[in-house]
Amino acid sequence: MSRRETHTGELLTTKSSRPRVDRVEDGSYKVCVSSAPERGKANRELLTVLASHLGVKKSEISIVRGEKSRNKLIRVEYEA
């Protein structure tokens, strides 16, 4: 098997009543997390929620751009 990589755009919404992932028309995702955007808590929850939704390990997903923004670029590396 070989390693594959893909990038996806995300819009993060914090302080949601429950975590969820919604697909947007342009192919990106809107991810809602319950954590507040302080000290990286929301980003860590984003990676956990999105990894679970995509069926990949948390170690295979990372934020490429947008650490301090609602709009993020996410890299997903996986075995194909």
C-alpha atoms as a PDB file:
ATOM      1  CA  MET A   1       0.000   0.000   0.000  1.00  0.00           C
ATOM      2  CA  SER A   2       1.113   3.561  -0.584  1.00  0.00           C
ATOM      3  CA  ARG A   3       0.560   6.737   1.380  1.00  0.00           C
ATOM      4  CA  ARG A   4      -1.905   9.197  -0.119  1.00  0.00           C
ATOM      5  CA  GLU A   5      -2.451  12.822   0.797  1.00  0.00           C
ATOM      6  CA  THR A   6      -5.412  15.109   0.280  1.00  0.00           C
ATOM      7  CA  HIS A   7      -6.301  18.625   1.421  1.00  0.00           C
ATOM      8  CA  THR A   8      -9.704  19.923   2.385  1.00  0.00           C
ATOM      9  CA  GLY A   9     -11.038  23.291   3.502  1.00  0.00           C
ATOM     10  CA  GLU A  10     -12.909  23.589   6.765  1.00  0.00           C
ATOM     11  CA  LEU A  11     -15.005  26.214   8.497  1.00  0.00           C
ATOM     12  CA  LEU A  12     -14.815  25.826  12.274  1.00  0.00           C
ATOM     13  CA  THR A  13     -17.671  26.815  14.568  1.00  0.00           C
ATOM     14  CA  THR A  14     -16.852  26.767  18.279  1.00  0.00           C
ATOM     15  CA  LYS A  15     -18.987  26.500  21.417  1.00  0.00           C
ATOM     16  CA  SER A  16     -21.565  24.312  19.696  1.00  0.00           C
ATOM     17  CA  SER A  17     -24.017  22.297  21.773  1.00  0.00           C
ATOM     18  CA  ARG A  18     -22.616  19.096  20.230  1.00  0.00           C
ATOM     19  CA  PRO A  19     -19.792  18.230  17.831  1.00  0.00           C
ATOM     20  CA  ARG A  20     -20.841  17.546  14.231  1.00  0.00           C
ATOM     21  CA  VAL A  21     -19.554  17.616  10.652  1.00  0.00           C
ATOM     22  CA  ASP A  22     -21.621  18.921   7.734  1.00  0.00           C
ATOM     23  CA  ARG A  23     -20.612  18.711   4.072  1.00  0.00           C
ATOM     24  CA  VAL A  24     -20.900  22.044   2.218  1.00  0.00           C
ATOM     25  CA  GLU A  25     -21.873  22.358  -1.466  1.00  0.00           C
ATOM     26  CA  ASP A  26     -18.319  23.225  -2.557  1.00  0.00           C
ATOM     27  CA  GLY A  27     -16.989  19.944  -1.123  1.00  0.00           C
ATOM     28  CA  SER A  28     -15.537  21.408   2.054  1.00  0.00           C
ATOM     29  CA  TYR A  29     -16.777  20.697   5.570  1.00  0.00           C
ATOM     30  CA  LYS A  30     -18.338  22.802   8.318  1.00  0.00           C
ATOM     31  CA  VAL A  31     -17.168  21.364  11.630  1.00  0.00           C
ATOM     32  CA  CYS A  32     -18.865  22.319  14.900  1.00  0.00           C
ATOM     33  CA  VAL A  33     -17.042  21.659  18.165  1.00  0.00           C
ATOM     34  CA  SER A  34     -18.049  22.303  21.764  1.00  0.00           C
ATOM     35  CA  SER A  35     -14.658  23.653  22.884  1.00  0.00           C
ATOM     36  CA  ALA A  36     -13.901  27.343  23.171  1.00  0.00           C
ATOM     37  CA  PRO A  37     -11.195  28.777  20.885  1.00  0.00           C
ATOM     38  CA  GLU A  38      -8.572  29.156  23.595  1.00  0.00           C
ATOM     39  CA  ARG A  39      -5.094  27.621  23.887  1.00  0.00           C
ATOM     40  CA  GLY A  40      -5.721  25.323  20.902  1.00  0.00           C
ATOM     41  CA  LYS A  41      -8.618  23.414  22.492  1.00  0.00           C
ATOM     42  CA  ALA A  42     -10.978  23.934  19.546  1.00  0.00           C
ATOM     43  CA  ASN A  43      -8.276  22.949  17.031  1.00  0.00           C
ATOM     44  CA  ARG A  44      -7.533  19.716  18.912  1.00  0.00           C
ATOM     45  CA  GLU A  45     -11.234  18.863  19.048  1.00  0.00           C
ATOM     46  CA  LEU A  46     -11.580  19.729  15.345  1.00  0.00           C
ATOM     47  CA  LEU A  47      -8.882  17.190  14.453  1.00  0.00           C
ATOM     48  CA  THR A  48     -10.464  14.522  16.658  1.00  0.00           C
ATOM     49  CA  VAL A  49     -13.986  15.057  15.294  1.00  0.00           C
ATOM     50  CA  LEU A  50     -12.874  15.253  11.665  1.00  0.00           C
ATOM     51  CA  ALA A  51     -10.584  12.208  11.927  1.00  0.00           C
ATOM     52  CA  SER A  52     -13.476  10.189  13.351  1.00  0.00           C
ATOM     53  CA  HIS A  53     -15.820  11.408  10.614  1.00  0.00           C
ATOM     54  CA  LEU A  54     -13.331  10.562   7.828  1.00  0.00           C
ATOM     55  CA  GLY A  55     -12.342   7.232   9.365  1.00  0.00           C
ATOM     56  CA  VAL A  56      -8.632   8.028   9.709  1.00  0.00           C
ATOM     57  CA  LYS A  57      -6.275   8.075  12.677  1.00  0.00           C
ATOM     58  CA  LYS A  58      -5.837  11.393  14.474  1.00  0.00           C
ATOM     59  CA  SER A  59      -2.112  11.190  13.675  1.00  0.00           C
ATOM     60  CA  GLU A  60      -2.963  11.204   9.935  1.00  0.00           C
ATOM     61  CA  ILE A  61      -4.680  14.595  10.014  1.00  0.00           C
ATOM     62  CA  SER A  62      -3.163  18.049  10.575  1.00  0.00           C
ATOM     63  CA  ILE A  63      -3.866  21.756  10.168  1.00  0.00           C
ATOM     64  CA  VAL A  64      -1.803  23.221   7.308  1.00  0.00           C
ATOM     65  CA  ARG A  65      -3.138  26.772   7.452  1.00  0.00           C
ATOM     66  CA  GLY A  66      -5.526  28.684   9.704  1.00  0.00           C
ATOM     67  CA  GLU A  67      -4.441  27.821  13.255  1.00  0.00           C
ATOM     68  CA  LYS A  68      -5.986  31.072  14.526  1.00  0.00           C
ATOM     69  CA  SER A  69      -8.755  31.423  11.948  1.00  0.00           C
ATOM     70  CA  ARG A  70     -12.208  29.902  11.497  1.00  0.00           C
ATOM     71  CA  ASN A  71     -11.202  28.959   7.942  1.00  0.00           C
ATOM     72  CA  LYS A  72      -8.664  26.154   7.925  1.00  0.00           C
ATOM     73  CA  LEU A  73      -6.811  24.023   5.417  1.00  0.00           C
ATOM     74  CA  ILE A  74      -6.517  20.427   6.613  1.00  0.00           C
ATOM     75  CA  ARG A  75      -4.087  17.763   5.341  1.00  0.00           C
ATOM     76  CA  VAL A  76      -5.187  14.138   5.518  1.00  0.00           C
ATOM     77  CA  GLU A  77      -2.543  11.439   4.921  1.00  0.00           C
ATOM     78  CA  TYR A  78      -3.721   7.854   4.718  1.00  0.00           C
ATOM     79  CA  GLU A  79      -2.840   4.377   3.471  1.00  0.00           C
ATOM     80  CA  ALA A  80      -4.415   3.573   0.111  1.00  0.00           C
END
